[in-house]
């Protein structure tokens, strides 16, 4: 399981930029794509959550794990 903070940091390294934040909800943008990140930093992202994040952000699960 990966912590949400590590996955978020990997997304930011790959070009996603945090546009704004309200509590634990963050709006991330990459080019013309915009997504909402709604995980607390310390939350464990198991298999189903990682698969959902990968799909939402345009990655395969293997690509997201390599980031």
N, C-alpha and C. Protein backbone atom coordinates (compact mmCIF):
# COMPACT_ATOMS: atom_id res chain seq x y z
N UNK A 1 0.83 -1.18 0.00
CA UNK A 1 0.00 0.00 0.00
C UNK A 1 0.88 1.25 0.00
N UNK A 2 0.45 2.21 -0.75
CA UNK A 2 1.17 3.48 -0.81
C UNK A 2 0.41 4.54 -0.03
N UNK A 3 1.13 5.43 0.58
CA UNK A 3 0.51 6.57 1.26
C UNK A 3 0.07 7.57 0.21
N UNK A 4 -1.03 8.24 0.46
CA UNK A 4 -1.57 9.21 -0.48
C UNK A 4 -0.58 10.34 -0.75
N UNK A 5 0.19 10.75 0.25
CA UNK A 5 1.16 11.84 0.07
C UNK A 5 2.23 11.45 -0.94
N UNK A 6 2.65 10.18 -0.93
CA UNK A 6 3.68 9.73 -1.88
C UNK A 6 3.14 9.67 -3.29
N UNK A 7 1.90 9.24 -3.44
CA UNK A 7 1.28 9.18 -4.77
C UNK A 7 1.09 10.59 -5.31
N UNK A 8 0.64 11.51 -4.46
CA UNK A 8 0.46 12.90 -4.86
C UNK A 8 1.80 13.51 -5.28
N UNK A 9 2.85 13.25 -4.53
CA UNK A 9 4.18 13.77 -4.88
C UNK A 9 4.64 13.22 -6.22
N UNK A 10 4.36 11.96 -6.50
CA UNK A 10 4.73 11.37 -7.79
C UNK A 10 3.96 12.02 -8.93
N UNK A 11 2.69 12.30 -8.72
CA UNK A 11 1.90 12.98 -9.74
C UNK A 11 2.45 14.38 -10.01
N UNK A 12 2.84 15.08 -8.95
CA UNK A 12 3.40 16.42 -9.12
C UNK A 12 4.73 16.36 -9.87
N UNK A 13 5.55 15.35 -9.60
CA UNK A 13 6.81 15.21 -10.34
C UNK A 13 6.56 14.95 -11.82
N UNK A 14 5.42 14.34 -12.13
CA UNK A 14 5.08 14.02 -13.51
C UNK A 14 4.35 15.16 -14.21
N UNK A 15 4.25 16.32 -13.58
CA UNK A 15 3.71 17.48 -14.27
C UNK A 15 2.37 18.00 -13.78
N UNK A 16 1.74 17.33 -12.82
CA UNK A 16 0.48 17.82 -12.27
C UNK A 16 0.78 18.96 -11.31
N UNK A 17 0.00 20.03 -11.40
CA UNK A 17 0.21 21.22 -10.58
C UNK A 17 -1.02 21.43 -9.71
N UNK A 18 -0.78 21.73 -8.43
CA UNK A 18 -1.89 22.00 -7.52
C UNK A 18 -2.38 23.42 -7.75
N UNK A 19 -3.58 23.55 -8.27
CA UNK A 19 -4.14 24.87 -8.59
C UNK A 19 -4.70 25.53 -7.35
N UNK A 20 -5.50 24.78 -6.58
CA UNK A 20 -6.07 25.33 -5.34
C UNK A 20 -6.37 24.20 -4.37
N UNK A 21 -6.66 24.60 -3.12
CA UNK A 21 -6.87 23.60 -2.07
C UNK A 21 -7.90 24.12 -1.08
N UNK A 22 -8.83 23.23 -0.71
CA UNK A 22 -9.80 23.53 0.34
C UNK A 22 -9.84 22.30 1.23
N UNK A 23 -9.25 22.40 2.41
CA UNK A 23 -9.17 21.25 3.31
C UNK A 23 -8.30 20.17 2.69
N UNK A 24 -8.85 18.96 2.58
CA UNK A 24 -8.08 17.87 1.99
C UNK A 24 -8.34 17.73 0.49
N UNK A 25 -9.22 18.56 -0.07
CA UNK A 25 -9.51 18.50 -1.50
C UNK A 25 -8.59 19.45 -2.26
N UNK A 26 -7.90 18.92 -3.25
CA UNK A 26 -6.99 19.72 -4.05
C UNK A 26 -7.39 19.60 -5.51
N UNK A 27 -7.27 20.68 -6.23
CA UNK A 27 -7.53 20.66 -7.67
C UNK A 27 -6.18 20.60 -8.36
N UNK A 28 -5.95 19.53 -9.11
CA UNK A 28 -4.71 19.35 -9.84
C UNK A 28 -4.96 19.55 -11.32
N UNK A 29 -4.04 20.22 -11.99
CA UNK A 29 -4.17 20.44 -13.42
C UNK A 29 -2.88 19.99 -14.11
N UNK A 30 -3.05 19.51 -15.33
CA UNK A 30 -1.93 19.13 -16.18
C UNK A 30 -2.37 19.42 -17.61
N UNK A 31 -1.88 20.54 -18.15
CA UNK A 31 -2.33 20.95 -19.47
C UNK A 31 -3.78 21.37 -19.39
N UNK A 32 -4.63 20.76 -20.20
CA UNK A 32 -6.05 21.10 -20.17
C UNK A 32 -6.87 20.14 -19.32
N UNK A 33 -6.20 19.20 -18.64
CA UNK A 33 -6.90 18.24 -17.78
C UNK A 33 -6.94 18.76 -16.35
N UNK A 34 -8.06 18.56 -15.67
CA UNK A 34 -8.24 18.97 -14.29
C UNK A 34 -8.87 17.83 -13.51
N UNK A 35 -8.32 17.52 -12.36
CA UNK A 35 -8.83 16.44 -11.51
C UNK A 35 -8.85 16.89 -10.06
N UNK A 36 -9.70 16.27 -9.27
CA UNK A 36 -9.80 16.54 -7.84
C UNK A 36 -9.07 15.44 -7.07
N UNK A 37 -8.19 15.82 -6.17
CA UNK A 37 -7.49 14.89 -5.29
C UNK A 37 -8.13 15.02 -3.92
N UNK A 38 -8.80 13.99 -3.44
CA UNK A 38 -9.57 14.09 -2.20
C UNK A 38 -9.11 13.09 -1.14
N UNK A 39 -7.82 12.79 -1.10
CA UNK A 39 -7.30 11.85 -0.12
C UNK A 39 -6.47 12.59 0.92
N UNK A 40 -6.60 12.21 2.18
CA UNK A 40 -5.76 12.76 3.23
C UNK A 40 -4.34 12.23 3.03
N UNK A 41 -3.34 13.04 3.37
CA UNK A 41 -1.95 12.68 3.11
C UNK A 41 -1.54 11.35 3.75
N UNK A 42 -2.03 11.04 4.92
CA UNK A 42 -1.62 9.83 5.61
C UNK A 42 -2.43 8.59 5.26
N UNK A 43 -3.40 8.73 4.37
CA UNK A 43 -4.27 7.59 4.03
C UNK A 43 -3.52 6.55 3.21
N UNK A 44 -3.76 5.29 3.51
CA UNK A 44 -3.20 4.19 2.72
C UNK A 44 -4.08 3.96 1.50
N UNK A 45 -3.47 3.95 0.33
CA UNK A 45 -4.21 3.67 -0.89
C UNK A 45 -3.95 2.22 -1.28
N UNK A 46 -4.95 1.39 -1.09
CA UNK A 46 -4.83 -0.02 -1.44
C UNK A 46 -5.01 -0.22 -2.94
N UNK A 47 -5.12 -1.45 -3.36
CA UNK A 47 -5.24 -1.79 -4.77
C UNK A 47 -6.39 -1.12 -5.50
N UNK A 48 -7.62 -1.21 -4.99
CA UNK A 48 -8.74 -0.57 -5.70
C UNK A 48 -8.60 0.96 -5.78
N UNK A 49 -8.12 1.59 -4.72
CA UNK A 49 -7.96 3.04 -4.75
C UNK A 49 -6.85 3.44 -5.72
N UNK A 50 -5.75 2.69 -5.73
CA UNK A 50 -4.67 2.98 -6.67
C UNK A 50 -5.14 2.81 -8.11
N UNK A 51 -5.93 1.78 -8.38
CA UNK A 51 -6.46 1.56 -9.73
C UNK A 51 -7.37 2.71 -10.13
N UNK A 52 -8.17 3.21 -9.21
CA UNK A 52 -9.07 4.33 -9.50
C UNK A 52 -8.28 5.60 -9.78
N UNK A 53 -7.23 5.86 -8.99
CA UNK A 53 -6.38 7.03 -9.22
C UNK A 53 -5.70 6.92 -10.57
N UNK A 54 -5.16 5.75 -10.89
CA UNK A 54 -4.48 5.55 -12.17
C UNK A 54 -5.43 5.84 -13.33
N UNK A 55 -6.62 5.31 -13.26
CA UNK A 55 -7.59 5.51 -14.33
C UNK A 55 -8.00 6.98 -14.45
N UNK A 56 -8.27 7.62 -13.32
CA UNK A 56 -8.70 9.01 -13.32
C UNK A 56 -7.63 9.95 -13.88
N UNK A 57 -6.37 9.64 -13.62
CA UNK A 57 -5.29 10.53 -14.03
C UNK A 57 -4.64 10.11 -15.34
N UNK A 58 -5.15 9.07 -15.98
CA UNK A 58 -4.68 8.70 -17.30
C UNK A 58 -3.46 7.80 -17.33
N UNK A 59 -3.26 7.00 -16.30
CA UNK A 59 -2.13 6.09 -16.23
C UNK A 59 -2.65 4.66 -16.14
N UNK A 60 -1.80 3.71 -16.46
CA UNK A 60 -2.10 2.34 -16.09
C UNK A 60 -1.62 2.18 -14.65
N UNK A 61 -2.04 1.12 -13.99
CA UNK A 61 -1.62 0.90 -12.61
C UNK A 61 -0.11 0.72 -12.53
N UNK A 62 0.46 0.02 -13.50
CA UNK A 62 1.92 -0.19 -13.51
C UNK A 62 2.66 1.14 -13.71
N UNK A 63 2.15 2.00 -14.57
CA UNK A 63 2.79 3.30 -14.79
C UNK A 63 2.75 4.15 -13.53
N UNK A 64 1.62 4.14 -12.86
CA UNK A 64 1.50 4.93 -11.63
C UNK A 64 2.44 4.42 -10.56
N UNK A 65 2.60 3.13 -10.45
CA UNK A 65 3.52 2.57 -9.44
C UNK A 65 4.97 2.90 -9.77
N UNK A 66 5.31 3.05 -11.06
CA UNK A 66 6.67 3.40 -11.44
C UNK A 66 7.01 4.87 -11.18
N UNK A 67 5.99 5.71 -11.10
CA UNK A 67 6.24 7.13 -10.84
C UNK A 67 6.81 7.27 -9.46
